[in-house]
Amino acid sequence: MLIDERRQYGETRYIAYGPIGTRLHCLIFTIRGDTLRAISLRKANFREVRDYEQEI
């Protein structure tokens, strides 16, 4: 899990990667109180897949 520092969002946003079926996906989310709020879920791009595979 990484902190999304690309922009100032007014809240801390996190980036998490994980497989769904056979594809790697990227989840952007924030935590508000006791609630995890999903902002975006998409298929990981080639660079993200490559970096993920090098880390595991």
PDB file of N, CA and C in Angstrom:
ATOM      1  N   MET A   1       0.854  -1.168   0.000  1.00  0.00           N
ATOM      2  CA  MET A   1       0.000   0.000   0.000  1.00  0.00           C
ATOM      3  C   MET A   1       0.902   1.234   0.000  1.00  0.00           C
ATOM      4  N   LEU A   2       0.549   2.200  -0.820  1.00  0.00           N
ATOM      5  CA  LEU A   2       1.303   3.441  -0.962  1.00  0.00           C
ATOM      6  C   LEU A   2       0.395   4.629  -0.685  1.00  0.00           C
ATOM      7  N   ILE A   3       0.985   5.763  -0.354  1.00  0.00           N
ATOM      8  CA  ILE A   3       0.223   7.006  -0.245  1.00  0.00           C
ATOM      9  C   ILE A   3       0.262   7.696  -1.600  1.00  0.00           C
ATOM     10  N   ASP A   4      -0.890   8.129  -2.077  1.00  0.00           N
ATOM     11  CA  ASP A   4      -1.004   8.826  -3.363  1.00  0.00           C
ATOM     12  C   ASP A   4      -0.613  10.285  -3.150  1.00  0.00           C
ATOM     13  N   GLU A   5       0.571  10.662  -3.627  1.00  0.00           N
ATOM     14  CA  GLU A   5       1.085  12.020  -3.443  1.00  0.00           C
ATOM     15  C   GLU A   5       1.140  12.805  -4.749  1.00  0.00           C
ATOM     16  N   ARG A   6       0.386  12.373  -5.751  1.00  0.00           N
ATOM     17  CA  ARG A   6       0.434  13.043  -7.050  1.00  0.00           C
ATOM     18  C   ARG A   6      -0.136  14.450  -6.994  1.00  0.00           C
ATOM     19  N   ARG A   7      -1.116  14.680  -6.145  1.00  0.00           N
ATOM     20  CA  ARG A   7      -1.767  15.990  -6.015  1.00  0.00           C
ATOM     21  C   ARG A   7      -2.147  16.228  -4.565  1.00  0.00           C
ATOM     22  N   GLN A   8      -2.574  17.454  -4.268  1.00  0.00           N
ATOM     23  CA  GLN A   8      -3.144  17.780  -2.964  1.00  0.00           C
ATOM     24  C   GLN A   8      -4.647  17.542  -3.043  1.00  0.00           C
ATOM     25  N   TYR A   9      -5.131  16.519  -2.381  1.00  0.00           N
ATOM     26  CA  TYR A   9      -6.544  16.169  -2.456  1.00  0.00           C
ATOM     27  C   TYR A   9      -7.349  16.685  -1.260  1.00  0.00           C
ATOM     28  N   GLY A  10      -6.680  17.194  -0.246  1.00  0.00           N
ATOM     29  CA  GLY A  10      -7.389  17.619   0.948  1.00  0.00           C
ATOM     30  C   GLY A  10      -7.652  16.467   1.906  1.00  0.00           C
ATOM     31  N   GLU A  11      -7.165  15.280   1.563  1.00  0.00           N
ATOM     32  CA  GLU A  11      -7.284  14.092   2.404  1.00  0.00           C
ATOM     33  C   GLU A  11      -6.177  13.132   1.977  1.00  0.00           C
ATOM     34  N   THR A  12      -5.824  12.213   2.837  1.00  0.00           N
ATOM     35  CA  THR A  12      -4.820  11.214   2.480  1.00  0.00           C
ATOM     36  C   THR A  12      -5.477  10.137   1.631  1.00  0.00           C
ATOM     37  N   ARG A  13      -4.904   9.903   0.459  1.00  0.00           N
ATOM     38  CA  ARG A  13      -5.391   8.845  -0.426  1.00  0.00           C
ATOM     39  C   ARG A  13      -4.326   7.759  -0.529  1.00  0.00           C
ATOM     40  N   TYR A  14      -4.790   6.542  -0.571  1.00  0.00           N
ATOM     41  CA  TYR A  14      -3.909   5.385  -0.606  1.00  0.00           C
ATOM     42  C   TYR A  14      -4.084   4.634  -1.917  1.00  0.00           C
ATOM     43  N   ILE A  15      -3.011   3.942  -2.326  1.00  0.00           N
ATOM     44  CA  ILE A  15      -3.024   3.102  -3.519  1.00  0.00           C
ATOM     45  C   ILE A  15      -2.686   1.684  -3.069  1.00  0.00           C
ATOM     46  N   ALA A  16      -3.528   0.739  -3.444  1.00  0.00           N
ATOM     47  CA  ALA A  16      -3.282  -0.667  -3.127  1.00  0.00           C
ATOM     48  C   ALA A  16      -3.426  -1.485  -4.406  1.00  0.00           C
ATOM     49  N   TYR A  17      -2.610  -2.525  -4.518  1.00  0.00           N
ATOM     50  CA  TYR A  17      -2.650  -3.407  -5.681  1.00  0.00           C
ATOM     51  C   TYR A  17      -2.977  -4.819  -5.227  1.00  0.00           C
ATOM     52  N   GLY A  18      -3.734  -5.520  -6.043  1.00  0.00           N
ATOM     53  CA  GLY A  18      -4.048  -6.905  -5.739  1.00  0.00           C
ATOM     54  C   GLY A  18      -4.750  -7.555  -6.909  1.00  0.00           C
ATOM     55  N   PRO A  19      -4.689  -8.880  -6.954  1.00  0.00           N
ATOM     56  CA  PRO A  19      -5.315  -9.596  -8.067  1.00  0.00           C
ATOM     57  C   PRO A  19      -6.816  -9.765  -7.865  1.00  0.00           C
ATOM     58  N   ILE A  20      -7.533  -9.665  -8.952  1.00  0.00           N
ATOM     59  CA  ILE A  20      -8.932 -10.080  -9.034  1.00  0.00           C
ATOM     60  C   ILE A  20      -8.960 -11.063 -10.194  1.00  0.00           C
ATOM     61  N   GLY A  21      -9.194 -12.315  -9.880  1.00  0.00           N
ATOM     62  CA  GLY A  21      -9.068 -13.355 -10.904  1.00  0.00           C
ATOM     63  C   GLY A  21      -7.609 -13.452 -11.314  1.00  0.00           C
ATOM     64  N   THR A  22      -7.353 -13.340 -12.603  1.00  0.00           N
ATOM     65  CA  THR A  22      -5.980 -13.452 -13.106  1.00  0.00           C
ATOM     66  C   THR A  22      -5.347 -12.100 -13.410  1.00  0.00           C
ATOM     67  N   ARG A  23      -6.078 -10.993 -13.196  1.00  0.00           N
ATOM     68  CA  ARG A  23      -5.571  -9.654 -13.518  1.00  0.00           C
ATOM     69  C   ARG A  23      -5.248  -8.882 -12.251  1.00  0.00           C
ATOM     70  N   LEU A  24      -4.170  -8.092 -12.311  1.00  0.00           N
ATOM     71  CA  LEU A  24      -3.817  -7.204 -11.212  1.00  0.00           C
ATOM     72  C   LEU A  24      -4.645  -5.931 -11.330  1.00  0.00           C
ATOM     73  N   HIS A  25      -5.157  -5.458 -10.202  1.00  0.00           N
ATOM     74  CA  HIS A  25      -5.971  -4.242 -10.175  1.00  0.00           C
ATOM     75  C   HIS A  25      -5.374  -3.224  -9.211  1.00  0.00           C
ATOM     76  N   CYS A  26      -5.752  -1.977  -9.412  1.00  0.00           N
ATOM     77  CA  CYS A  26      -5.288  -0.853  -8.609  1.00  0.00           C
ATOM     78  C   CYS A  26      -6.501  -0.219  -7.931  1.00  0.00           C
ATOM     79  N   LEU A  27      -6.458  -0.102  -6.606  1.00  0.00           N
ATOM     80  CA  LEU A  27      -7.530   0.516  -5.836  1.00  0.00           C
ATOM     81  C   LEU A  27      -7.009   1.808  -5.220  1.00  0.00           C
ATOM     82  N   ILE A  28      -7.709   2.909  -5.453  1.00  0.00           N
ATOM     83  CA  ILE A  28      -7.423   4.182  -4.800  1.00  0.00           C
ATOM     84  C   ILE A  28      -8.515   4.372  -3.760  1.00  0.00           C
ATOM     85  N   PHE A  29      -8.120   4.649  -2.514  1.00  0.00           N
ATOM     86  CA  PHE A  29      -9.122   4.800  -1.469  1.00  0.00           C
ATOM     87  C   PHE A  29      -8.651   5.782  -0.405  1.00  0.00           C
ATOM     88  N   THR A  30      -9.590   6.209   0.431  1.00  0.00           N
ATOM     89  CA  THR A  30      -9.297   7.063   1.566  1.00  0.00           C
ATOM     90  C   THR A  30     -10.032   6.504   2.772  1.00  0.00           C
ATOM     91  N   ILE A  31      -9.640   6.935   3.950  1.00  0.00           N
ATOM     92  CA  ILE A  31     -10.297   6.506   5.179  1.00  0.00           C
ATOM     93  C   ILE A  31     -10.932   7.731   5.813  1.00  0.00           C
ATOM     94  N   ARG A  32     -12.227   7.648   6.040  1.00  0.00           N
ATOM     95  CA  ARG A  32     -12.975   8.728   6.681  1.00  0.00           C
ATOM     96  C   ARG A  32     -13.615   8.168   7.940  1.00  0.00           C
ATOM     97  N   GLY A  33     -13.076   8.562   9.081  1.00  0.00           N
ATOM     98  CA  GLY A  33     -13.571   8.002  10.343  1.00  0.00           C
ATOM     99  C   GLY A  33     -13.300   6.515  10.380  1.00  0.00           C
ATOM    100  N   ASP A  34     -14.351   5.730  10.546  1.00  0.00           N
ATOM    101  CA  ASP A  34     -14.232   4.271  10.573  1.00  0.00           C
ATOM    102  C   ASP A  34     -14.534   3.637   9.224  1.00  0.00           C
ATOM    103  N   THR A  35     -14.681   4.467   8.192  1.00  0.00           N
ATOM    104  CA  THR A  35     -15.122   3.983   6.885  1.00  0.00           C
ATOM    105  C   THR A  35     -14.008   4.067   5.845  1.00  0.00           C
ATOM    106  N   LEU A  36     -13.814   2.981   5.106  1.00  0.00           N
ATOM    107  CA  LEU A  36     -12.909   2.978   3.962  1.00  0.00           C
ATOM    108  C   LEU A  36     -13.746   3.355   2.747  1.00  0.00           C
ATOM    109  N   ARG A  37     -13.362   4.439   2.066  1.00  0.00           N
ATOM    110  CA  ARG A  37     -14.121   4.929   0.912  1.00  0.00           C
ATOM    111  C   ARG A  37     -13.323   4.677  -0.363  1.00  0.00           C
ATOM    112  N   ALA A  38     -13.836   3.817  -1.233  1.00  0.00           N
ATOM    113  CA  ALA A  38     -13.187   3.539  -2.514  1.00  0.00           C
ATOM    114  C   ALA A  38     -13.407   4.716  -3.452  1.00  0.00           C
ATOM    115  N   ILE A  39     -12.333   5.177  -4.066  1.00  0.00           N
ATOM    116  CA  ILE A  39     -12.403   6.284  -5.019  1.00  0.00           C
ATOM    117  C   ILE A  39     -12.329   5.751  -6.443  1.00  0.00           C
ATOM    118  N   SER A  40     -11.464   4.764  -6.666  1.00  0.00           N
ATOM    119  CA  SER A  40     -11.271   4.235  -8.015  1.00  0.00           C
ATOM    120  C   SER A  40     -10.781   2.795  -7.930  1.00  0.00           C
ATOM    121  N   LEU A  41     -11.263   1.953  -8.826  1.00  0.00           N
ATOM    122  CA  LEU A  41     -10.773   0.594  -8.993  1.00  0.00           C
ATOM    123  C   LEU A  41     -10.643   0.354 -10.489  1.00  0.00           C
ATOM    124  N   ARG A  42      -9.428  -0.034 -10.913  1.00  0.00           N
ATOM    125  CA  ARG A  42      -9.177  -0.232 -12.339  1.00  0.00           C
ATOM    126  C   ARG A  42      -8.127  -1.313 -12.522  1.00  0.00           C
ATOM    127  N   LYS A  43      -8.015  -1.806 -13.755  1.00  0.00           N
ATOM    128  CA  LYS A  43      -6.950  -2.748 -14.083  1.00  0.00           C
ATOM    129  C   LYS A  43      -5.621  -2.016 -14.009  1.00  0.00           C
ATOM    130  N   ALA A  44      -4.613  -2.671 -13.453  1.00  0.00           N
ATOM    131  CA  ALA A  44      -3.281  -2.081 -13.378  1.00  0.00           C
ATOM    132  C   ALA A  44      -2.678  -2.002 -14.775  1.00  0.00           C
ATOM    133  N   ASN A  45      -1.923  -0.933 -15.024  1.00  0.00           N
ATOM    134  CA  ASN A  45      -1.262  -0.797 -16.320  1.00  0.00           C
ATOM    135  C   ASN A  45       0.045  -1.597 -16.330  1.00  0.00           C
ATOM    136  N   PHE A  46       0.699  -1.634 -17.483  1.00  0.00           N
ATOM    137  CA  PHE A  46       1.909  -2.446 -17.655  1.00  0.00           C
ATOM    138  C   PHE A  46       2.981  -2.089 -16.630  1.00  0.00           C
ATOM    139  N   ARG A  47       3.223  -0.797 -16.426  1.00  0.00           N
ATOM    140  CA  ARG A  47       4.251  -0.357 -15.474  1.00  0.00           C
ATOM    141  C   ARG A  47       3.917  -0.799 -14.056  1.00  0.00           C
ATOM    142  N   GLU A  48       2.662  -0.684 -13.661  1.00  0.00           N
ATOM    143  CA  GLU A  48       2.244  -1.087 -12.320  1.00  0.00           C
ATOM    144  C   GLU A  48       2.381  -2.592 -12.126  1.00  0.00           C
ATOM    145  N   VAL A  49       2.028  -3.367 -13.143  1.00  0.00           N
ATOM    146  CA  VAL A  49       2.182  -4.823 -13.074  1.00  0.00           C
ATOM    147  C   VAL A  49       3.656  -5.176 -12.931  1.00  0.00           C
ATOM    148  N   ARG A  50       4.506  -4.573 -13.736  1.00  0.00           N
ATOM    149  CA  ARG A  50       5.946  -4.832 -13.679  1.00  0.00           C
ATOM    150  C   ARG A  50       6.507  -4.510 -12.295  1.00  0.00           C
ATOM    151  N   ASP A  51       6.169  -3.338 -11.766  1.00  0.00           N
ATOM    152  CA  ASP A  51       6.666  -2.931 -10.451  1.00  0.00           C
ATOM    153  C   ASP A  51       6.148  -3.849  -9.348  1.00  0.00           C
ATOM    154  N   TYR A  52       4.887  -4.233  -9.435  1.00  0.00           N
ATOM    155  CA  TYR A  52       4.283  -5.129  -8.449  1.00  0.00           C
ATOM    156  C   TYR A  52       5.006  -6.474  -8.451  1.00  0.00           C
ATOM    157  N   GLU A  53       5.249  -7.018  -9.631  1.00  0.00           N
ATOM    158  CA  GLU A  53       5.902  -8.319  -9.736  1.00  0.00           C
ATOM    159  C   GLU A  53       7.338  -8.279  -9.228  1.00  0.00           C
ATOM    160  N   GLN A  54       8.011  -7.145  -9.346  1.00  0.00           N
ATOM    161  CA  GLN A  54       9.374  -7.018  -8.831  1.00  0.00           C
ATOM    162  C   GLN A  54       9.390  -6.959  -7.308  1.00  0.00           C
ATOM    163  N   GLU A  55       8.299  -6.488  -6.704  1.00  0.00           N
ATOM    164  CA  GLU A  55       8.229  -6.337  -5.250  1.00  0.00           C
ATOM    165  C   GLU A  55       7.834  -7.616  -4.524  1.00  0.00           C
ATOM    166  N   ILE A  56       7.100  -8.510  -5.202  1.00  0.00           N
ATOM    167  CA  ILE A  56       6.641  -9.719  -4.498  1.00  0.00           C
ATOM    168  C   ILE A  56       7.619 -10.856  -4.619  1.00  0.00           C
TER     169      ILE A  56
END
